[in-house]
Amino acid sequence: MTRHRVVVIGAGIIGASIAYHLLQRGVVVIVIDGDQPGTAATGSSFAWINATLDNPKSYYGLRLQSMLEYRRWEIELEAMPPAHWDGSLF
């Protein structure tokens, strides 16, 4: 049986997620980044995970699912820094 091999370019939140999910499926993964993980777009983002009802229903559902997924990751990935679920005011 031949194992698939994939190179992921970028070690931000998206690249790390892709690599993680591929590894879970038995793929050999190499992650390449020009800097430290999470320092480019991910490190410069506001990193606000939210779901607001003023978005279209499908977009709200996608964002809500991402919040649930992040909470699942906090449990599954013990080394992951915890999120601060503080809420917001607008």
C-alpha atoms as a PDB file:
ATOM      1  CA  MET A   1       0.000   0.000   0.000  1.00  0.00           C
ATOM      2  CA  THR A   2       1.396   3.385  -1.013  1.00  0.00           C
ATOM      3  CA  ARG A   3       0.988   6.161   1.530  1.00  0.00           C
ATOM      4  CA  HIS A   4       0.166   9.547   0.126  1.00  0.00           C
ATOM      5  CA  ARG A   5       2.630  12.362   0.756  1.00  0.00           C
ATOM      6  CA  VAL A   6       1.578  16.018   0.822  1.00  0.00           C
ATOM      7  CA  VAL A   7       3.513  19.249   1.264  1.00  0.00           C
ATOM      8  CA  VAL A   8       1.551  22.036   2.981  1.00  0.00           C
ATOM      9  CA  ILE A   9       2.851  25.541   2.346  1.00  0.00           C
ATOM     10  CA  GLY A  10       2.240  27.780   5.351  1.00  0.00           C
ATOM     11  CA  ALA A  11       2.031  26.976   9.052  1.00  0.00           C
ATOM     12  CA  GLY A  12      -0.743  29.370  10.002  1.00  0.00           C
ATOM     13  CA  ILE A  13      -4.152  28.294  11.252  1.00  0.00           C
ATOM     14  CA  ILE A  14      -5.273  27.040   7.825  1.00  0.00           C
ATOM     15  CA  GLY A  15      -2.055  25.202   6.971  1.00  0.00           C
ATOM     16  CA  ALA A  16      -1.906  23.673  10.442  1.00  0.00           C
ATOM     17  CA  SER A  17      -5.521  22.543  10.161  1.00  0.00           C
ATOM     18  CA  ILE A  18      -4.943  20.985   6.745  1.00  0.00           C
ATOM     19  CA  ALA A  19      -1.823  19.186   7.996  1.00  0.00           C
ATOM     20  CA  TYR A  20      -3.618  17.952  11.111  1.00  0.00           C
ATOM     21  CA  HIS A  21      -6.570  16.542   9.191  1.00  0.00           C
ATOM     22  CA  LEU A  22      -4.326  14.874   6.622  1.00  0.00           C
ATOM     23  CA  LEU A  23      -2.269  13.271   9.397  1.00  0.00           C
ATOM     24  CA  GLN A  24      -5.483  11.948  10.950  1.00  0.00           C
ATOM     25  CA  ARG A  25      -6.113  10.159   7.646  1.00  0.00           C
ATOM     26  CA  GLY A  26      -2.650   8.559   7.541  1.00  0.00           C
ATOM     27  CA  VAL A  27      -1.091  10.928   5.002  1.00  0.00           C
ATOM     28  CA  VAL A  28       2.615  11.750   5.342  1.00  0.00           C
ATOM     29  CA  VAL A  29       2.740  15.548   5.691  1.00  0.00           C
ATOM     30  CA  ILE A  30       5.574  18.057   5.435  1.00  0.00           C
ATOM     31  CA  VAL A  31       4.761  21.638   6.457  1.00  0.00           C
ATOM     32  CA  ILE A  32       6.916  24.435   5.049  1.00  0.00           C
ATOM     33  CA  ASP A  33       6.790  28.016   6.251  1.00  0.00           C
ATOM     34  CA  GLY A  34       9.170  30.931   5.689  1.00  0.00           C
ATOM     35  CA  ASP A  35       8.916  32.000   9.332  1.00  0.00           C
ATOM     36  CA  GLN A  36       7.750  30.687  12.684  1.00  0.00           C
ATOM     37  CA  PRO A  37       4.327  28.966  12.678  1.00  0.00           C
ATOM     38  CA  GLY A  38       1.409  31.351  12.994  1.00  0.00           C
ATOM     39  CA  THR A  39       3.410  34.564  12.509  1.00  0.00           C
ATOM     40  CA  ALA A  40       2.207  35.844   9.100  1.00  0.00           C
ATOM     41  CA  ALA A  41      -1.511  36.353   8.376  1.00  0.00           C
ATOM     42  CA  THR A  42      -2.591  34.258  11.373  1.00  0.00           C
ATOM     43  CA  GLY A  43      -0.359  36.187  13.756  1.00  0.00           C
ATOM     44  CA  SER A  44      -1.586  39.528  12.413  1.00  0.00           C
ATOM     45  CA  SER A  45      -5.278  38.696  12.486  1.00  0.00           C
ATOM     46  CA  PHE A  46      -7.749  39.802  15.102  1.00  0.00           C
ATOM     47  CA  ALA A  47      -8.484  36.077  15.593  1.00  0.00           C
ATOM     48  CA  TRP A  48     -12.101  36.693  16.440  1.00  0.00           C
ATOM     49  CA  ILE A  49     -14.239  33.566  16.150  1.00  0.00           C
ATOM     50  CA  ASN A  50     -17.900  34.478  16.193  1.00  0.00           C
ATOM     51  CA  ALA A  51     -21.320  33.855  14.709  1.00  0.00           C
ATOM     52  CA  THR A  52     -23.784  36.726  14.515  1.00  0.00           C
ATOM     53  CA  LEU A  53     -27.395  36.490  13.423  1.00  0.00           C
ATOM     54  CA  ASP A  54     -27.075  39.485  11.082  1.00  0.00           C
ATOM     55  CA  ASN A  55     -25.183  37.275   8.589  1.00  0.00           C
ATOM     56  CA  PRO A  56     -26.933  35.103   5.990  1.00  0.00           C
ATOM     57  CA  LYS A  57     -28.177  31.848   7.559  1.00  0.00           C
ATOM     58  CA  SER A  58     -25.652  29.663   5.701  1.00  0.00           C
ATOM     59  CA  TYR A  59     -22.724  31.897   6.725  1.00  0.00           C
ATOM     60  CA  TYR A  60     -23.955  32.007  10.314  1.00  0.00           C
ATOM     61  CA  GLY A  61     -24.121  28.191  10.330  1.00  0.00           C
ATOM     62  CA  LEU A  62     -20.568  27.896   8.984  1.00  0.00           C
ATOM     63  CA  ARG A  63     -19.234  30.283  11.615  1.00  0.00           C
ATOM     64  CA  LEU A  64     -21.159  28.580  14.404  1.00  0.00           C
ATOM     65  CA  GLN A  65     -19.775  25.200  13.313  1.00  0.00           C
ATOM     66  CA  SER A  66     -16.247  26.653  13.385  1.00  0.00           C
ATOM     67  CA  MET A  67     -16.781  27.746  16.990  1.00  0.00           C
ATOM     68  CA  LEU A  68     -17.932  24.245  17.944  1.00  0.00           C
ATOM     69  CA  GLU A  69     -14.966  22.740  16.107  1.00  0.00           C
ATOM     70  CA  TYR A  70     -12.532  25.030  17.930  1.00  0.00           C
ATOM     71  CA  ARG A  71     -13.973  23.935  21.274  1.00  0.00           C
ATOM     72  CA  ARG A  72     -13.571  20.285  20.214  1.00  0.00           C
ATOM     73  CA  TRP A  73      -9.945  20.966  19.300  1.00  0.00           C
ATOM     74  CA  GLU A  74      -9.282  22.510  22.713  1.00  0.00           C
ATOM     75  CA  ILE A  75     -10.178  19.137  24.254  1.00  0.00           C
ATOM     76  CA  GLU A  76      -8.541  16.931  21.618  1.00  0.00           C
ATOM     77  CA  LEU A  77      -5.276  18.862  21.265  1.00  0.00           C
ATOM     78  CA  GLU A  78      -3.928  19.245  24.760  1.00  0.00           C
ATOM     79  CA  ALA A  79      -0.969  21.361  23.563  1.00  0.00           C
ATOM     80  CA  MET A  80      -3.261  23.917  21.909  1.00  0.00           C
ATOM     81  CA  PRO A  81      -3.393  27.288  23.648  1.00  0.00           C
ATOM     82  CA  PRO A  82      -6.870  27.825  25.109  1.00  0.00           C
ATOM     83  CA  ALA A  83      -9.174  30.337  23.481  1.00  0.00           C
ATOM     84  CA  HIS A  84     -10.580  33.191  25.535  1.00  0.00           C
ATOM     85  CA  TRP A  85     -14.362  32.916  25.185  1.00  0.00           C
ATOM     86  CA  ASP A  86     -15.069  36.422  26.481  1.00  0.00           C
ATOM     87  CA  GLY A  87     -17.995  37.577  24.345  1.00  0.00           C
ATOM     88  CA  SER A  88     -18.287  40.979  22.715  1.00  0.00           C
ATOM     89  CA  LEU A  89     -20.109  44.260  22.777  1.00  0.00           C
ATOM     90  CA  PHE A  90     -21.128  46.151  19.650  1.00  0.00           C
END
